[in-house]
Amino acid sequence: MASTYNTIILDEPFKHLKGHDANQRVLDMVNEVSKKLNIQIIMISDERIPKEDIIASADKVFEISIKDGKTIVK
């Protein structure tokens, strides 16, 4: 029997926030919601918060860029 997972996808949730503290509070909130509700969160970010803070809070991070017309996933 296949397992099912609840998932939320957030597209640039920090887009309208200003300042590191506000961005960090939202990142902490996203983590708390994920843990309390036992859901997977996939988040797209344009790094309005330092990448190191996102990496420290995430289970897995994929960095996607385009070089010479080719998509690169790290």
PDB file of N, CA and C in Angstrom:
ATOM      1  N   MET A   1       0.847  -1.182   0.000  1.00  0.00           N
ATOM      2  CA  MET A   1       0.000   0.000   0.000  1.00  0.00           C
ATOM      3  C   MET A   1       0.892   1.245   0.000  1.00  0.00           C
ATOM      4  N   ALA A   2       0.602   2.153  -0.865  1.00  0.00           N
ATOM      5  CA  ALA A   2       1.402   3.376  -0.989  1.00  0.00           C
ATOM      6  C   ALA A   2       1.103   4.338   0.149  1.00  0.00           C
ATOM      7  N   SER A   3       2.131   5.019   0.589  1.00  0.00           N
ATOM      8  CA  SER A   3       1.959   6.058   1.610  1.00  0.00           C
ATOM      9  C   SER A   3       1.557   7.359   0.926  1.00  0.00           C
ATOM     10  N   THR A   4       0.815   8.172   1.639  1.00  0.00           N
ATOM     11  CA  THR A   4       0.486   9.490   1.123  1.00  0.00           C
ATOM     12  C   THR A   4       1.054  10.534   2.072  1.00  0.00           C
ATOM     13  N   TYR A   5       1.494  11.617   1.504  1.00  0.00           N
ATOM     14  CA  TYR A   5       2.064  12.708   2.283  1.00  0.00           C
ATOM     15  C   TYR A   5       1.335  13.994   1.946  1.00  0.00           C
ATOM     16  N   ASN A   6       1.049  14.753   2.960  1.00  0.00           N
ATOM     17  CA  ASN A   6       0.488  16.079   2.731  1.00  0.00           C
ATOM     18  C   ASN A   6       1.635  17.025   2.435  1.00  0.00           C
ATOM     19  N   THR A   7       1.452  17.831   1.420  1.00  0.00           N
ATOM     20  CA  THR A   7       2.513  18.729   0.970  1.00  0.00           C
ATOM     21  C   THR A   7       1.958  20.121   0.723  1.00  0.00           C
ATOM     22  N   ILE A   8       2.726  21.116   1.115  1.00  0.00           N
ATOM     23  CA  ILE A   8       2.411  22.511   0.809  1.00  0.00           C
ATOM     24  C   ILE A   8       3.571  23.045  -0.025  1.00  0.00           C
ATOM     25  N   ILE A   9       3.243  23.755  -1.096  1.00  0.00           N
ATOM     26  CA  ILE A   9       4.274  24.390  -1.926  1.00  0.00           C
ATOM     27  C   ILE A   9       4.167  25.900  -1.726  1.00  0.00           C
ATOM     28  N   LEU A  10       5.270  26.500  -1.318  1.00  0.00           N
ATOM     29  CA  LEU A  10       5.323  27.947  -1.091  1.00  0.00           C
ATOM     30  C   LEU A  10       6.230  28.573  -2.144  1.00  0.00           C
ATOM     31  N   ASP A  11       5.699  29.519  -2.885  1.00  0.00           N
ATOM     32  CA  ASP A  11       6.469  30.194  -3.921  1.00  0.00           C
ATOM     33  C   ASP A  11       6.881  31.571  -3.417  1.00  0.00           C
ATOM     34  N   GLU A  12       8.139  31.702  -3.076  1.00  0.00           N
ATOM     35  CA  GLU A  12       8.720  32.936  -2.550  1.00  0.00           C
ATOM     36  C   GLU A  12       7.905  33.536  -1.398  1.00  0.00           C
ATOM     37  N   PRO A  13       7.776  32.801  -0.293  1.00  0.00           N
ATOM     38  CA  PRO A  13       6.973  33.300   0.826  1.00  0.00           C
ATOM     39  C   PRO A  13       7.549  34.534   1.513  1.00  0.00           C
ATOM     40  N   PHE A  14       8.803  34.865   1.236  1.00  0.00           N
ATOM     41  CA  PHE A  14       9.439  36.015   1.874  1.00  0.00           C
ATOM     42  C   PHE A  14       9.422  37.256   0.991  1.00  0.00           C
ATOM     43  N   LYS A  15       8.776  37.164  -0.146  1.00  0.00           N
ATOM     44  CA  LYS A  15       8.851  38.210  -1.176  1.00  0.00           C
ATOM     45  C   LYS A  15       8.531  39.617  -0.658  1.00  0.00           C
ATOM     46  N   HIS A  16       7.558  39.763   0.219  1.00  0.00           N
ATOM     47  CA  HIS A  16       7.132  41.098   0.645  1.00  0.00           C
ATOM     48  C   HIS A  16       7.616  41.472   2.051  1.00  0.00           C
ATOM     49  N   LEU A  17       8.487  40.646   2.612  1.00  0.00           N
ATOM     50  CA  LEU A  17       9.002  40.951   3.941  1.00  0.00           C
ATOM     51  C   LEU A  17      10.261  41.791   3.838  1.00  0.00           C
ATOM     52  N   LYS A  18      10.455  42.637   4.835  1.00  0.00           N
ATOM     53  CA  LYS A  18      11.651  43.480   4.862  1.00  0.00           C
ATOM     54  C   LYS A  18      12.444  43.177   6.119  1.00  0.00           C
ATOM     55  N   GLY A  19      13.721  43.037   5.945  1.00  0.00           N
ATOM     56  CA  GLY A  19      14.602  42.840   7.089  1.00  0.00           C
ATOM     57  C   GLY A  19      14.813  41.380   7.425  1.00  0.00           C
ATOM     58  N   HIS A  20      15.996  41.096   7.916  1.00  0.00           N
ATOM     59  CA  HIS A  20      16.381  39.732   8.256  1.00  0.00           C
ATOM     60  C   HIS A  20      15.493  39.144   9.340  1.00  0.00           C
ATOM     61  N   ASP A  21      15.163  39.927  10.374  1.00  0.00           N
ATOM     62  CA  ASP A  21      14.374  39.397  11.492  1.00  0.00           C
ATOM     63  C   ASP A  21      13.000  38.907  11.039  1.00  0.00           C
ATOM     64  N   ALA A  22      12.325  39.674  10.207  1.00  0.00           N
ATOM     65  CA  ALA A  22      11.004  39.275   9.712  1.00  0.00           C
ATOM     66  C   ALA A  22      11.112  38.006   8.874  1.00  0.00           C
ATOM     67  N   ASN A  23      12.113  37.942   8.025  1.00  0.00           N
ATOM     68  CA  ASN A  23      12.318  36.758   7.196  1.00  0.00           C
ATOM     69  C   ASN A  23      12.638  35.533   8.044  1.00  0.00           C
ATOM     70  N   GLN A  24      13.444  35.702   9.069  1.00  0.00           N
ATOM     71  CA  GLN A  24      13.801  34.582   9.944  1.00  0.00           C
ATOM     72  C   GLN A  24      12.581  34.085  10.710  1.00  0.00           C
ATOM     73  N   ARG A  25      11.722  35.003  11.154  1.00  0.00           N
ATOM     74  CA  ARG A  25      10.502  34.594  11.866  1.00  0.00           C
ATOM     75  C   ARG A  25       9.601  33.746  10.974  1.00  0.00           C
ATOM     76  N   VAL A  26       9.481  34.128   9.706  1.00  0.00           N
ATOM     77  CA  VAL A  26       8.645  33.349   8.784  1.00  0.00           C
ATOM     78  C   VAL A  26       9.288  31.983   8.528  1.00  0.00           C
ATOM     79  N   LEU A  27      10.590  31.937   8.374  1.00  0.00           N
ATOM     80  CA  LEU A  27      11.269  30.660   8.178  1.00  0.00           C
ATOM     81  C   LEU A  27      11.051  29.750   9.389  1.00  0.00           C
ATOM     82  N   ASP A  28      11.160  30.310  10.583  1.00  0.00           N
ATOM     83  CA  ASP A  28      10.902  29.536  11.801  1.00  0.00           C
ATOM     84  C   ASP A  28       9.456  29.048  11.848  1.00  0.00           C
ATOM     85  N   MET A  29       8.517  29.899  11.440  1.00  0.00           N
ATOM     86  CA  MET A  29       7.106  29.530  11.430  1.00  0.00           C
ATOM     87  C   MET A  29       6.852  28.393  10.441  1.00  0.00           C
ATOM     88  N   VAL A  30       7.458  28.470   9.266  1.00  0.00           N
ATOM     89  CA  VAL A  30       7.298  27.413   8.258  1.00  0.00           C
ATOM     90  C   VAL A  30       7.801  26.088   8.826  1.00  0.00           C
ATOM     91  N   ASN A  31       8.936  26.105   9.498  1.00  0.00           N
ATOM     92  CA  ASN A  31       9.468  24.893  10.131  1.00  0.00           C
ATOM     93  C   ASN A  31       8.529  24.353  11.194  1.00  0.00           C
ATOM     94  N   GLU A  32       8.006  25.223  12.013  1.00  0.00           N
ATOM     95  CA  GLU A  32       7.108  24.806  13.086  1.00  0.00           C
ATOM     96  C   GLU A  32       5.825  24.188  12.529  1.00  0.00           C
ATOM     97  N   VAL A  33       5.249  24.808  11.507  1.00  0.00           N
ATOM     98  CA  VAL A  33       4.038  24.277  10.875  1.00  0.00           C
ATOM     99  C   VAL A  33       4.325  22.894  10.292  1.00  0.00           C
ATOM    100  N   SER A  34       5.447  22.751   9.630  1.00  0.00           N
ATOM    101  CA  SER A  34       5.817  21.469   9.028  1.00  0.00           C
ATOM    102  C   SER A  34       5.911  20.371  10.084  1.00  0.00           C
ATOM    103  N   LYS A  35       6.560  20.673  11.186  1.00  0.00           N
ATOM    104  CA  LYS A  35       6.733  19.670  12.238  1.00  0.00           C
ATOM    105  C   LYS A  35       5.436  19.364  12.978  1.00  0.00           C
ATOM    106  N   LYS A  36       4.693  20.395  13.350  1.00  0.00           N
ATOM    107  CA  LYS A  36       3.459  20.181  14.124  1.00  0.00           C
ATOM    108  C   LYS A  36       2.382  19.467  13.324  1.00  0.00           C
ATOM    109  N   LEU A  37       2.290  19.762  12.030  1.00  0.00           N
ATOM    110  CA  LEU A  37       1.254  19.153  11.198  1.00  0.00           C
ATOM    111  C   LEU A  37       1.768  17.940  10.433  1.00  0.00           C
ATOM    112  N   ASN A  38       3.060  17.640  10.598  1.00  0.00           N
ATOM    113  CA  ASN A  38       3.685  16.510   9.924  1.00  0.00           C
ATOM    114  C   ASN A  38       3.450  16.559   8.416  1.00  0.00           C
ATOM    115  N   ILE A  39       3.775  17.708   7.836  1.00  0.00           N
ATOM    116  CA  ILE A  39       3.615  17.884   6.395  1.00  0.00           C
ATOM    117  C   ILE A  39       4.950  18.259   5.767  1.00  0.00           C
ATOM    118  N   GLN A  40       5.073  17.915   4.515  1.00  0.00           N
ATOM    119  CA  GLN A  40       6.255  18.285   3.746  1.00  0.00           C
ATOM    120  C   GLN A  40       6.012  19.663   3.145  1.00  0.00           C
ATOM    121  N   ILE A  41       7.016  20.523   3.230  1.00  0.00           N
ATOM    122  CA  ILE A  41       6.901  21.852   2.629  1.00  0.00           C
ATOM    123  C   ILE A  41       7.997  21.993   1.583  1.00  0.00           C
ATOM    124  N   ILE A  42       7.566  22.327   0.381  1.00  0.00           N
ATOM    125  CA  ILE A  42       8.490  22.622  -0.707  1.00  0.00           C
ATOM    126  C   ILE A  42       8.442  24.132  -0.898  1.00  0.00           C
ATOM    127  N   MET A  43       9.599  24.769  -0.804  1.00  0.00           N
ATOM    128  CA  MET A  43       9.625  26.222  -0.839  1.00  0.00           C
ATOM    129  C   MET A  43      10.574  26.708  -1.928  1.00  0.00           C
ATOM    130  N   ILE A  44      10.071  27.632  -2.729  1.00  0.00           N
ATOM    131  CA  ILE A  44      10.885  28.297  -3.729  1.00  0.00           C
ATOM    132  C   ILE A  44      11.308  29.628  -3.127  1.00  0.00           C
ATOM    133  N   SER A  45      12.602  29.929  -3.192  1.00  0.00           N
ATOM    134  CA  SER A  45      13.097  31.157  -2.566  1.00  0.00           C
ATOM    135  C   SER A  45      14.045  31.876  -3.505  1.00  0.00           C
ATOM    136  N   ASP A  46      13.959  33.192  -3.492  1.00  0.00           N
ATOM    137  CA  ASP A  46      14.914  33.994  -4.255  1.00  0.00           C
ATOM    138  C   ASP A  46      15.979  34.572  -3.316  1.00  0.00           C
ATOM    139  N   GLU A  47      16.112  33.946  -2.159  1.00  0.00           N
ATOM    140  CA  GLU A  47      17.145  34.269  -1.177  1.00  0.00           C
ATOM    141  C   GLU A  47      17.048  35.675  -0.606  1.00  0.00           C
ATOM    142  N   ARG A  48      15.880  36.057  -0.153  1.00  0.00           N
ATOM    143  CA  ARG A  48      15.756  37.318   0.590  1.00  0.00           C
ATOM    144  C   ARG A  48      16.221  37.121   2.025  1.00  0.00           C
ATOM    145  N   ILE A  49      16.480  35.891   2.347  1.00  0.00           N
ATOM    146  CA  ILE A  49      17.072  35.531   3.629  1.00  0.00           C
ATOM    147  C   ILE A  49      18.370  34.795   3.267  1.00  0.00           C
ATOM    148  N   PRO A  50      19.417  34.914   4.065  1.00  0.00           N
ATOM    149  CA  PRO A  50      20.676  34.261   3.696  1.00  0.00           C
ATOM    150  C   PRO A  50      20.500  32.762   3.420  1.00  0.00           C
ATOM    151  N   LYS A  51      21.158  32.319   2.361  1.00  0.00           N
ATOM    152  CA  LYS A  51      21.070  30.909   1.968  1.00  0.00           C
ATOM    153  C   LYS A  51      21.456  29.986   3.122  1.00  0.00           C
ATOM    154  N   GLU A  52      22.408  30.404   3.932  1.00  0.00           N
ATOM    155  CA  GLU A  52      22.853  29.590   5.062  1.00  0.00           C
ATOM    156  C   GLU A  52      21.725  29.353   6.061  1.00  0.00           C
ATOM    157  N   ASP A  53      20.862  30.354   6.261  1.00  0.00           N
ATOM    158  CA  ASP A  53      19.727  30.201   7.179  1.00  0.00           C
ATOM    159  C   ASP A  53      18.710  29.214   6.625  1.00  0.00           C
ATOM    160  N   ILE A  54      18.493  29.269   5.322  1.00  0.00           N
ATOM    161  CA  ILE A  54      17.562  28.326   4.687  1.00  0.00           C
ATOM    162  C   ILE A  54      18.124  26.917   4.785  1.00  0.00           C
ATOM    163  N   ILE A  55      19.400  26.751   4.476  1.00  0.00           N
ATOM    164  CA  ILE A  55      20.034  25.435   4.530  1.00  0.00           C
ATOM    165  C   ILE A  55      19.970  24.866   5.946  1.00  0.00           C
ATOM    166  N   ALA A  56      20.214  25.711   6.950  1.00  0.00           N
ATOM    167  CA  ALA A  56      20.192  25.251   8.340  1.00  0.00           C
ATOM    168  C   ALA A  56      18.804  24.792   8.771  1.00  0.00           C
ATOM    169  N   SER A  57      17.764  25.319   8.139  1.00  0.00           N
ATOM    170  CA  SER A  57      16.398  24.987   8.524  1.00  0.00           C
ATOM    171  C   SER A  57      15.771  23.883   7.679  1.00  0.00           C
ATOM    172  N   ALA A  58      16.436  23.507   6.610  1.00  0.00           N
ATOM    173  CA  ALA A  58      15.844  22.573   5.654  1.00  0.00           C
ATOM    174  C   ALA A  58      16.381  21.154   5.828  1.00  0.00           C
ATOM    175  N   ASP A  59      15.575  20.195   5.406  1.00  0.00           N
ATOM    176  CA  ASP A  59      16.036  18.810   5.342  1.00  0.00           C
ATOM    177  C   ASP A  59      16.878  18.598   4.085  1.00  0.00           C
ATOM    178  N   LYS A  60      16.485  19.268   3.006  1.00  0.00           N
ATOM    179  CA  LYS A  60      17.191  19.123   1.733  1.00  0.00           C
ATOM    180  C   LYS A  60      17.030  20.415   0.953  1.00  0.00           C
ATOM    181  N   VAL A  61      18.096  20.837   0.277  1.00  0.00           N
ATOM    182  CA  VAL A  61      18.074  22.063  -0.516  1.00  0.00           C
ATOM    183  C   VAL A  61      18.581  21.746  -1.918  1.00  0.00           C
ATOM    184  N   PHE A  62      17.862  22.237  -2.919  1.00  0.00           N
ATOM    185  CA  PHE A  62      18.297  22.143  -4.304  1.00  0.00           C
ATOM    186  C   PHE A  62      18.496  23.556  -4.809  1.00  0.00           C
ATOM    187  N   GLU A  63      19.653  23.831  -5.351  1.00  0.00           N
ATOM    188  CA  GLU A  63      19.921  25.137  -5.933  1.00  0.00           C
ATOM    189  C   GLU A  63      19.861  24.983  -7.448  1.00  0.00           C
ATOM    190  N   ILE A  64      19.010  25.770  -8.083  1.00  0.00           N
ATOM    191  CA  ILE A  64      18.800  25.663  -9.521  1.00  0.00           C
ATOM    192  C   ILE A  64      19.246  26.953 -10.185  1.00  0.00           C
ATOM    193  N   SER A  65      20.047  26.815 -11.228  1.00  0.00           N
ATOM    194  CA  SER A  65      20.499  27.967 -12.002  1.00  0.00           C
ATOM    195  C   SER A  65      20.514  27.599 -13.473  1.00  0.00           C
ATOM    196  N   ILE A  66      20.679  28.602 -14.313  1.00  0.00           N
ATOM    197  CA  ILE A  66      20.768  28.381 -15.755  1.00  0.00           C
ATOM    198  C   ILE A  66      22.097  28.946 -16.237  1.00  0.00           C
ATOM    199  N   LYS A  67      22.846  28.117 -16.957  1.00  0.00           N
ATOM    200  CA  LYS A  67      24.127  28.551 -17.503  1.00  0.00           C
ATOM    201  C   LYS A  67      24.203  28.070 -18.946  1.00  0.00           C
ATOM    202  N   ASP A  68      24.468  28.997 -19.828  1.00  0.00           N
ATOM    203  CA  ASP A  68      24.547  28.694 -21.261  1.00  0.00           C
ATOM    204  C   ASP A  68      23.291  27.983 -21.757  1.00  0.00           C
ATOM    205  N   GLY A  69      22.141  28.407 -21.240  1.00  0.00           N
ATOM    206  CA  GLY A  69      20.871  27.848 -21.670  1.00  0.00           C
ATOM    207  C   GLY A  69      20.543  26.482 -21.091  1.00  0.00           C
ATOM    208  N   LYS A  70      21.355  25.989 -20.168  1.00  0.00           N
ATOM    209  CA  LYS A  70      21.118  24.674 -19.554  1.00  0.00           C
ATOM    210  C   LYS A  70      20.822  24.842 -18.072  1.00  0.00           C
ATOM    211  N   THR A  71      19.841  24.072 -17.602  1.00  0.00           N
ATOM    212  CA  THR A  71      19.485  24.097 -16.188  1.00  0.00           C
ATOM    213  C   THR A  71      20.481  23.260 -15.402  1.00  0.00           C
ATOM    214  N   ILE A  72      20.961  23.843 -14.314  1.00  0.00           N
ATOM    215  CA  ILE A  72      21.919  23.163 -13.432  1.00  0.00           C
ATOM    216  C   ILE A  72      21.262  23.027 -12.063  1.00  0.00           C
ATOM    217  N   VAL A  73      21.235  21.801 -11.555  1.00  0.00           N
ATOM    218  CA  VAL A  73      20.674  21.523 -10.228  1.00  0.00           C
ATOM    219  C   VAL A  73      21.804  21.030  -9.341  1.00  0.00           C
ATOM    220  N   LYS A  74      21.984  21.716  -8.220  1.00  0.00           N
ATOM    221  CA  LYS A  74      23.031  21.314  -7.252  1.00  0.00           C
ATOM    222  C   LYS A  74      22.361  20.827  -5.993  1.00  0.00           C
TER     223      LYS A  74
END
